[in-house]
Amino acid sequence: MNRTGFAGTCLAFAMVFAATAAFAGTLDQIKSSGELKCGVNPNLPGFSYVDAKGERQGFDIDFCRALAAAIGVTPKFIPSDA
């Protein structure tokens, strides 16, 4: 491996370690707050919608609930316009 390839490999590893450290800080913030904030579309059938009982349903809602459960926090759904 030449010097350029070695330097590129070192840079790639440094970026992975930096990203991992940044994620660890975010995870600590989520755990300390006790809730995972998930931006959801207020009415996108199949992904995020409110059913007849007034409860949120859909793939995005289920994914947020599952991730929050895995972390050990409560999901909080924040309606998004985008």
PDB file of N, CA and C in Angstrom:
ATOM      1  N   MET A   1       0.857  -1.171   0.000  1.00  0.00           N
ATOM      2  CA  MET A   1       0.000   0.000   0.000  1.00  0.00           C
ATOM      3  C   MET A   1       0.902   1.232   0.000  1.00  0.00           C
ATOM      4  N   ASN A   2       0.604   2.169  -0.873  1.00  0.00           N
ATOM      5  CA  ASN A   2       1.420   3.376  -0.920  1.00  0.00           C
ATOM      6  C   ASN A   2       0.999   4.346   0.191  1.00  0.00           C
ATOM      7  N   ARG A   3       1.716   5.449   0.310  1.00  0.00           N
ATOM      8  CA  ARG A   3       1.451   6.418   1.394  1.00  0.00           C
ATOM      9  C   ARG A   3       0.071   7.052   1.269  1.00  0.00           C
ATOM     10  N   THR A   4      -0.345   7.331   0.055  1.00  0.00           N
ATOM     11  CA  THR A   4      -1.650   7.958  -0.146  1.00  0.00           C
ATOM     12  C   THR A   4      -2.768   7.024   0.294  1.00  0.00           C
ATOM     13  N   GLY A   5      -2.660   5.762  -0.054  1.00  0.00           N
ATOM     14  CA  GLY A   5      -3.668   4.772   0.345  1.00  0.00           C
ATOM     15  C   GLY A   5      -3.706   4.591   1.849  1.00  0.00           C
ATOM     16  N   PHE A   6      -2.535   4.575   2.469  1.00  0.00           N
ATOM     17  CA  PHE A   6      -2.455   4.429   3.917  1.00  0.00           C
ATOM     18  C   PHE A   6      -3.067   5.642   4.609  1.00  0.00           C
ATOM     19  N   ALA A   7      -2.761   6.838   4.112  1.00  0.00           N
ATOM     20  CA  ALA A   7      -3.306   8.059   4.701  1.00  0.00           C
ATOM     21  C   ALA A   7      -4.829   8.090   4.556  1.00  0.00           C
ATOM     22  N   GLY A   8      -5.310   7.671   3.406  1.00  0.00           N
ATOM     23  CA  GLY A   8      -6.758   7.624   3.194  1.00  0.00           C
ATOM     24  C   GLY A   8      -7.442   6.648   4.133  1.00  0.00           C
ATOM     25  N   THR A   9      -6.809   5.500   4.353  1.00  0.00           N
ATOM     26  CA  THR A   9      -7.354   4.503   5.264  1.00  0.00           C
ATOM     27  C   THR A   9      -7.381   5.041   6.689  1.00  0.00           C
ATOM     28  N   CYS A  10      -6.314   5.707   7.096  1.00  0.00           N
ATOM     29  CA  CYS A  10      -6.263   6.301   8.436  1.00  0.00           C
ATOM     30  C   CYS A  10      -7.346   7.363   8.602  1.00  0.00           C
ATOM     31  N   LEU A  11      -7.537   8.174   7.584  1.00  0.00           N
ATOM     32  CA  LEU A  11      -8.561   9.209   7.626  1.00  0.00           C
ATOM     33  C   LEU A  11      -9.951   8.586   7.739  1.00  0.00           C
ATOM     34  N   ALA A  12     -10.194   7.520   7.007  1.00  0.00           N
ATOM     35  CA  ALA A  12     -11.489   6.846   7.069  1.00  0.00           C
ATOM     36  C   ALA A  12     -11.764   6.301   8.466  1.00  0.00           C
ATOM     37  N   PHE A  13     -10.753   5.678   9.081  1.00  0.00           N
ATOM     38  CA  PHE A  13     -10.920   5.166  10.446  1.00  0.00           C
ATOM     39  C   PHE A  13     -11.162   6.305  11.434  1.00  0.00           C
ATOM     40  N   ALA A  14     -10.470   7.413  11.264  1.00  0.00           N
ATOM     41  CA  ALA A  14     -10.664   8.561  12.152  1.00  0.00           C
ATOM     42  C   ALA A  14     -12.087   9.095  12.042  1.00  0.00           C
ATOM     43  N   MET A  15     -12.620   9.130  10.824  1.00  0.00           N
ATOM     44  CA  MET A  15     -13.987   9.615  10.629  1.00  0.00           C
ATOM     45  C   MET A  15     -15.000   8.678  11.283  1.00  0.00           C
ATOM     46  N   VAL A  16     -14.777   7.379  11.192  1.00  0.00           N
ATOM     47  CA  VAL A  16     -15.681   6.410  11.814  1.00  0.00           C
ATOM     48  C   VAL A  16     -15.654   6.564  13.330  1.00  0.00           C
ATOM     49  N   PHE A  17     -14.475   6.705  13.914  1.00  0.00           N
ATOM     50  CA  PHE A  17     -14.380   6.863  15.363  1.00  0.00           C
ATOM     51  C   PHE A  17     -15.012   8.167  15.818  1.00  0.00           C
ATOM     52  N   ALA A  18     -14.854   9.248  15.061  1.00  0.00           N
ATOM     53  CA  ALA A  18     -15.461  10.536  15.411  1.00  0.00           C
ATOM     54  C   ALA A  18     -16.987  10.438  15.348  1.00  0.00           C
ATOM     55  N   ALA A  19     -17.496   9.775  14.326  1.00  0.00           N
ATOM     56  CA  ALA A  19     -18.945   9.620  14.198  1.00  0.00           C
ATOM     57  C   ALA A  19     -19.503   8.779  15.339  1.00  0.00           C
ATOM     58  N   THR A  20     -18.775   7.750  15.741  1.00  0.00           N
ATOM     59  CA  THR A  20     -19.209   6.896  16.841  1.00  0.00           C
ATOM     60  C   THR A  20     -19.242   7.687  18.143  1.00  0.00           C
ATOM     61  N   ALA A  21     -18.242   8.517  18.369  1.00  0.00           N
ATOM     62  CA  ALA A  21     -18.208   9.339  19.577  1.00  0.00           C
ATOM     63  C   ALA A  21     -19.357  10.341  19.577  1.00  0.00           C
ATOM     64  N   ALA A  22     -19.658  10.931  18.439  1.00  0.00           N
ATOM     65  CA  ALA A  22     -20.760  11.890  18.342  1.00  0.00           C
ATOM     66  C   ALA A  22     -22.084  11.198  18.622  1.00  0.00           C
ATOM     67  N   PHE A  23     -22.260   9.985  18.087  1.00  0.00           N
ATOM     68  CA  PHE A  23     -23.493   9.238  18.320  1.00  0.00           C
ATOM     69  C   PHE A  23     -23.636   8.883  19.787  1.00  0.00           C
ATOM     70  N   ALA A  24     -22.547   8.521  20.439  1.00  0.00           N
ATOM     71  CA  ALA A  24     -22.598   8.162  21.854  1.00  0.00           C
ATOM     72  C   ALA A  24     -23.087   9.347  22.671  1.00  0.00           C
ATOM     73  N   GLY A  25     -22.651  10.557  22.342  1.00  0.00           N
ATOM     74  CA  GLY A  25     -23.112  11.746  23.047  1.00  0.00           C
ATOM     75  C   GLY A  25     -24.600  11.967  22.844  1.00  0.00           C
ATOM     76  N   THR A  26     -25.085  11.762  21.627  1.00  0.00           N
ATOM     77  CA  THR A  26     -26.501  11.917  21.329  1.00  0.00           C
ATOM     78  C   THR A  26     -27.321  10.880  22.084  1.00  0.00           C
ATOM     79  N   LEU A  27     -26.864   9.658  22.107  1.00  0.00           N
ATOM     80  CA  LEU A  27     -27.568   8.602  22.827  1.00  0.00           C
ATOM     81  C   LEU A  27     -27.642   8.929  24.320  1.00  0.00           C
ATOM     82  N   ASP A  28     -26.566   9.454  24.880  1.00  0.00           N
ATOM     83  CA  ASP A  28     -26.580   9.848  26.288  1.00  0.00           C
ATOM     84  C   ASP A  28     -27.600  10.952  26.546  1.00  0.00           C
ATOM     85  N   GLN A  29     -27.716  11.902  25.616  1.00  0.00           N
ATOM     86  CA  GLN A  29     -28.701  12.981  25.755  1.00  0.00           C
ATOM     87  C   GLN A  29     -30.123  12.426  25.721  1.00  0.00           C
ATOM     88  N   ILE A  30     -30.369  11.496  24.813  1.00  0.00           N
ATOM     89  CA  ILE A  30     -31.704  10.891  24.709  1.00  0.00           C
ATOM     90  C   ILE A  30     -32.042  10.148  25.996  1.00  0.00           C
ATOM     91  N   LYS A  31     -31.102   9.372  26.505  1.00  0.00           N
ATOM     92  CA  LYS A  31     -31.346   8.611  27.730  1.00  0.00           C
ATOM     93  C   LYS A  31     -31.576   9.537  28.918  1.00  0.00           C
ATOM     94  N   SER A  32     -30.813  10.619  29.008  1.00  0.00           N
ATOM     95  CA  SER A  32     -30.974  11.530  30.147  1.00  0.00           C
ATOM     96  C   SER A  32     -32.293  12.289  30.087  1.00  0.00           C
ATOM     97  N   SER A  33     -32.800  12.564  28.876  1.00  0.00           N
ATOM     98  CA  SER A  33     -34.083  13.260  28.758  1.00  0.00           C
ATOM     99  C   SER A  33     -35.250  12.310  29.008  1.00  0.00           C
ATOM    100  N   GLY A  34     -35.036  11.014  28.767  1.00  0.00           N
ATOM    101  CA  GLY A  34     -36.077  10.022  28.989  1.00  0.00           C
ATOM    102  C   GLY A  34     -37.067   9.886  27.853  1.00  0.00           C
ATOM    103  N   GLU A  35     -36.819  10.609  26.737  1.00  0.00           N
ATOM    104  CA  GLU A  35     -37.722  10.498  25.599  1.00  0.00           C
ATOM    105  C   GLU A  35     -36.968  10.610  24.282  1.00  0.00           C
ATOM    106  N   LEU A  36     -37.496   9.887  23.283  1.00  0.00           N
ATOM    107  CA  LEU A  36     -36.963   9.939  21.932  1.00  0.00           C
ATOM    108  C   LEU A  36     -37.940  10.750  21.097  1.00  0.00           C
ATOM    109  N   LYS A  37     -37.498  11.892  20.601  1.00  0.00           N
ATOM    110  CA  LYS A  37     -38.356  12.768  19.809  1.00  0.00           C
ATOM    111  C   LYS A  37     -38.286  12.346  18.347  1.00  0.00           C
ATOM    112  N   CYS A  38     -39.437  12.004  17.787  1.00  0.00           N
ATOM    113  CA  CYS A  38     -39.528  11.558  16.405  1.00  0.00           C
ATOM    114  C   CYS A  38     -40.404  12.517  15.614  1.00  0.00           C
ATOM    115  N   GLY A  39     -39.862  13.095  14.563  1.00  0.00           N
ATOM    116  CA  GLY A  39     -40.646  13.931  13.678  1.00  0.00           C
ATOM    117  C   GLY A  39     -41.475  13.051  12.763  1.00  0.00           C
ATOM    118  N   VAL A  40     -42.781  13.277  12.747  1.00  0.00           N
ATOM    119  CA  VAL A  40     -43.676  12.460  11.925  1.00  0.00           C
ATOM    120  C   VAL A  40     -44.605  13.355  11.114  1.00  0.00           C
ATOM    121  N   ASN A  41     -44.972  12.871   9.940  1.00  0.00           N
ATOM    122  CA  ASN A  41     -45.952  13.569   9.116  1.00  0.00           C
ATOM    123  C   ASN A  41     -47.311  13.412   9.801  1.00  0.00           C
ATOM    124  N   PRO A  42     -48.074  14.486   9.935  1.00  0.00           N
ATOM    125  CA  PRO A  42     -49.348  14.365  10.652  1.00  0.00           C
ATOM    126  C   PRO A  42     -50.382  13.472   9.967  1.00  0.00           C
ATOM    127  N   ASN A  43     -50.284  13.303   8.646  1.00  0.00           N
ATOM    128  CA  ASN A  43     -51.286  12.479   7.968  1.00  0.00           C
ATOM    129  C   ASN A  43     -50.724  11.911   6.668  1.00  0.00           C
ATOM    130  N   LEU A  44     -50.016  10.816   6.789  1.00  0.00           N
ATOM    131  CA  LEU A  44     -49.471  10.125   5.634  1.00  0.00           C
ATOM    132  C   LEU A  44     -49.826   8.645   5.767  1.00  0.00           C
ATOM    133  N   PRO A  45     -50.967   8.225   5.221  1.00  0.00           N
ATOM    134  CA  PRO A  45     -51.440   6.853   5.395  1.00  0.00           C
ATOM    135  C   PRO A  45     -50.347   5.808   5.127  1.00  0.00           C
ATOM    136  N   GLY A  46     -50.273   4.860   6.050  1.00  0.00           N
ATOM    137  CA  GLY A  46     -49.270   3.809   5.952  1.00  0.00           C
ATOM    138  C   GLY A  46     -48.006   4.128   6.729  1.00  0.00           C
ATOM    139  N   PHE A  47     -47.703   5.391   6.858  1.00  0.00           N
ATOM    140  CA  PHE A  47     -46.480   5.793   7.554  1.00  0.00           C
ATOM    141  C   PHE A  47     -46.773   6.476   8.888  1.00  0.00           C
ATOM    142  N   SER A  48     -47.694   7.427   8.880  1.00  0.00           N
ATOM    143  CA  SER A  48     -48.033   8.142  10.098  1.00  0.00           C
ATOM    144  C   SER A  48     -49.404   8.780   9.938  1.00  0.00           C
ATOM    145  N   TYR A  49     -50.341   8.349  10.758  1.00  0.00           N
ATOM    146  CA  TYR A  49     -51.695   8.903  10.721  1.00  0.00           C
ATOM    147  C   TYR A  49     -52.360   8.655  12.070  1.00  0.00           C
ATOM    148  N   VAL A  50     -53.448   9.356  12.312  1.00  0.00           N
ATOM    149  CA  VAL A  50     -54.218   9.178  13.534  1.00  0.00           C
ATOM    150  C   VAL A  50     -55.453   8.357  13.185  1.00  0.00           C
ATOM    151  N   ASP A  51     -55.647   7.245  13.915  1.00  0.00           N
ATOM    152  CA  ASP A  51     -56.776   6.358  13.609  1.00  0.00           C
ATOM    153  C   ASP A  51     -58.076   6.886  14.228  1.00  0.00           C
ATOM    154  N   ALA A  52     -59.160   6.131  14.080  1.00  0.00           N
ATOM    155  CA  ALA A  52     -60.476   6.534  14.575  1.00  0.00           C
ATOM    156  C   ALA A  52     -60.514   6.678  16.096  1.00  0.00           C
ATOM    157  N   LYS A  53     -59.621   5.980  16.787  1.00  0.00           N
ATOM    158  CA  LYS A  53     -59.558   6.067  18.253  1.00  0.00           C
ATOM    159  C   LYS A  53     -58.698   7.233  18.728  1.00  0.00           C
ATOM    160  N   GLY A  54     -58.083   7.972  17.779  1.00  0.00           N
ATOM    161  CA  GLY A  54     -57.237   9.103  18.141  1.00  0.00           C
ATOM    162  C   GLY A  54     -55.798   8.719  18.450  1.00  0.00           C
ATOM    163  N   GLU A  55     -55.417   7.483  18.102  1.00  0.00           N
ATOM    164  CA  GLU A  55     -54.061   7.006  18.356  1.00  0.00           C
ATOM    165  C   GLU A  55     -53.239   7.042  17.072  1.00  0.00           C
ATOM    166  N   ARG A  56     -51.968   7.338  17.209  1.00  0.00           N
ATOM    167  CA  ARG A  56     -51.076   7.375  16.050  1.00  0.00           C
ATOM    168  C   ARG A  56     -50.764   5.948  15.601  1.00  0.00           C
ATOM    169  N   GLN A  57     -50.749   5.743  14.284  1.00  0.00           N
ATOM    170  CA  GLN A  57     -50.466   4.436  13.690  1.00  0.00           C
ATOM    171  C   GLN A  57     -49.548   4.627  12.482  1.00  0.00           C
ATOM    172  N   GLY A  58     -48.955   3.538  12.012  1.00  0.00           N
ATOM    173  CA  GLY A  58     -48.159   3.548  10.796  1.00  0.00           C
ATOM    174  C   GLY A  58     -46.723   3.093  11.012  1.00  0.00           C
ATOM    175  N   PHE A  59     -46.014   2.919   9.908  1.00  0.00           N
ATOM    176  CA  PHE A  59     -44.639   2.416   9.941  1.00  0.00           C
ATOM    177  C   PHE A  59     -43.715   3.325  10.738  1.00  0.00           C
ATOM    178  N   ASP A  60     -43.761   4.638  10.466  1.00  0.00           N
ATOM    179  CA  ASP A  60     -42.880   5.565  11.171  1.00  0.00           C
ATOM    180  C   ASP A  60     -43.146   5.553  12.674  1.00  0.00           C
ATOM    181  N   ILE A  61     -44.402   5.442  13.036  1.00  0.00           N
ATOM    182  CA  ILE A  61     -44.781   5.402  14.448  1.00  0.00           C
ATOM    183  C   ILE A  61     -44.258   4.116  15.091  1.00  0.00           C
ATOM    184  N   ASP A  62     -44.451   2.994  14.421  1.00  0.00           N
ATOM    185  CA  ASP A  62     -43.968   1.705  14.943  1.00  0.00           C
ATOM    186  C   ASP A  62     -42.455   1.696  15.072  1.00  0.00           C
ATOM    187  N   PHE A  63     -41.760   2.273  14.079  1.00  0.00           N
ATOM    188  CA  PHE A  63     -40.302   2.306  14.110  1.00  0.00           C
ATOM    189  C   PHE A  63     -39.820   3.136  15.296  1.00  0.00           C
ATOM    190  N   CYS A  64     -40.432   4.290  15.505  1.00  0.00           N
ATOM    191  CA  CYS A  64     -40.048   5.150  16.626  1.00  0.00           C
ATOM    192  C   CYS A  64     -40.305   4.452  17.958  1.00  0.00           C
ATOM    193  N   ARG A  65     -41.446   3.808  18.076  1.00  0.00           N
ATOM    194  CA  ARG A  65     -41.768   3.080  19.313  1.00  0.00           C
ATOM    195  C   ARG A  65     -40.761   1.960  19.583  1.00  0.00           C
ATOM    196  N   ALA A  66     -40.395   1.218  18.534  1.00  0.00           N
ATOM    197  CA  ALA A  66     -39.439   0.120  18.689  1.00  0.00           C
ATOM    198  C   ALA A  66     -38.061   0.636  19.087  1.00  0.00           C
ATOM    199  N   LEU A  67     -37.619   1.703  18.447  1.00  0.00           N
ATOM    200  CA  LEU A  67     -36.314   2.270  18.779  1.00  0.00           C
ATOM    201  C   LEU A  67     -36.305   2.819  20.200  1.00  0.00           C
ATOM    202  N   ALA A  68     -37.371   3.497  20.587  1.00  0.00           N
ATOM    203  CA  ALA A  68     -37.469   4.026  21.951  1.00  0.00           C
ATOM    204  C   ALA A  68     -37.448   2.886  22.971  1.00  0.00           C
ATOM    205  N   ALA A  69     -38.157   1.798  22.672  1.00  0.00           N
ATOM    206  CA  ALA A  69     -38.172   0.648  23.583  1.00  0.00           C
ATOM    207  C   ALA A  69     -36.783   0.027  23.706  1.00  0.00           C
ATOM    208  N   ALA A  70     -36.058  -0.050  22.589  1.00  0.00           N
ATOM    209  CA  ALA A  70     -34.711  -0.624  22.614  1.00  0.00           C
ATOM    210  C   ALA A  70     -33.763   0.232  23.440  1.00  0.00           C
ATOM    211  N   ILE A  71     -33.963   1.545  23.419  1.00  0.00           N
ATOM    212  CA  ILE A  71     -33.111   2.452  24.195  1.00  0.00           C
ATOM    213  C   ILE A  71     -33.569   2.510  25.644  1.00  0.00           C
ATOM    214  N   GLY A  72     -34.860   2.256  25.881  1.00  0.00           N
ATOM    215  CA  GLY A  72     -35.412   2.301  27.230  1.00  0.00           C
ATOM    216  C   GLY A  72     -35.981   3.664  27.588  1.00  0.00           C
ATOM    217  N   VAL A  73     -36.538   4.354  26.605  1.00  0.00           N
ATOM    218  CA  VAL A  73     -37.133   5.670  26.828  1.00  0.00           C
ATOM    219  C   VAL A  73     -38.542   5.701  26.238  1.00  0.00           C
ATOM    220  N   THR A  74     -39.221   6.819  26.420  1.00  0.00           N
ATOM    221  CA  THR A  74     -40.579   6.997  25.904  1.00  0.00           C
ATOM    222  C   THR A  74     -40.537   7.720  24.561  1.00  0.00           C
ATOM    223  N   PRO A  75     -41.311   7.263  23.573  1.00  0.00           N
ATOM    224  CA  PRO A  75     -41.344   7.988  22.300  1.00  0.00           C
ATOM    225  C   PRO A  75     -42.201   9.248  22.419  1.00  0.00           C
ATOM    226  N   LYS A  76     -41.766  10.312  21.743  1.00  0.00           N
ATOM    227  CA  LYS A  76     -42.552  11.549  21.666  1.00  0.00           C
ATOM    228  C   LYS A  76     -42.656  11.912  20.199  1.00  0.00           C
ATOM    229  N   PHE A  77     -43.884  12.037  19.706  1.00  0.00           N
ATOM    230  CA  PHE A  77     -44.132  12.290  18.297  1.00  0.00           C
ATOM    231  C   PHE A  77     -44.315  13.788  18.072  1.00  0.00           C
ATOM    232  N   ILE A  78     -43.530  14.338  17.172  1.00  0.00           N
ATOM    233  CA  ILE A  78     -43.592  15.751  16.854  1.00  0.00           C
ATOM    234  C   ILE A  78     -44.051  15.898  15.397  1.00  0.00           C
ATOM    235  N   PRO A  79     -45.244  16.486  15.185  1.00  0.00           N
ATOM    236  CA  PRO A  79     -45.739  16.653  13.814  1.00  0.00           C
ATOM    237  C   PRO A  79     -44.794  17.536  12.989  1.00  0.00           C
ATOM    238  N   SER A  80     -44.563  17.123  11.767  1.00  0.00           N
ATOM    239  CA  SER A  80     -43.658  17.836  10.872  1.00  0.00           C
ATOM    240  C   SER A  80     -44.405  18.215   9.589  1.00  0.00           C
ATOM    241  N   ASP A  81     -44.120  19.379   9.062  1.00  0.00           N
ATOM    242  CA  ASP A  81     -44.736  19.818   7.816  1.00  0.00           C
ATOM    243  C   ASP A  81     -43.987  19.324   6.586  1.00  0.00           C
ATOM    244  N   ALA A  82     -42.719  18.985   6.757  1.00  0.00           N
ATOM    245  CA  ALA A  82     -41.877  18.612   5.619  1.00  0.00           C
ATOM    246  C   ALA A  82     -42.048  17.185   5.212  1.00  0.00           C
TER     247      ALA A  82
END
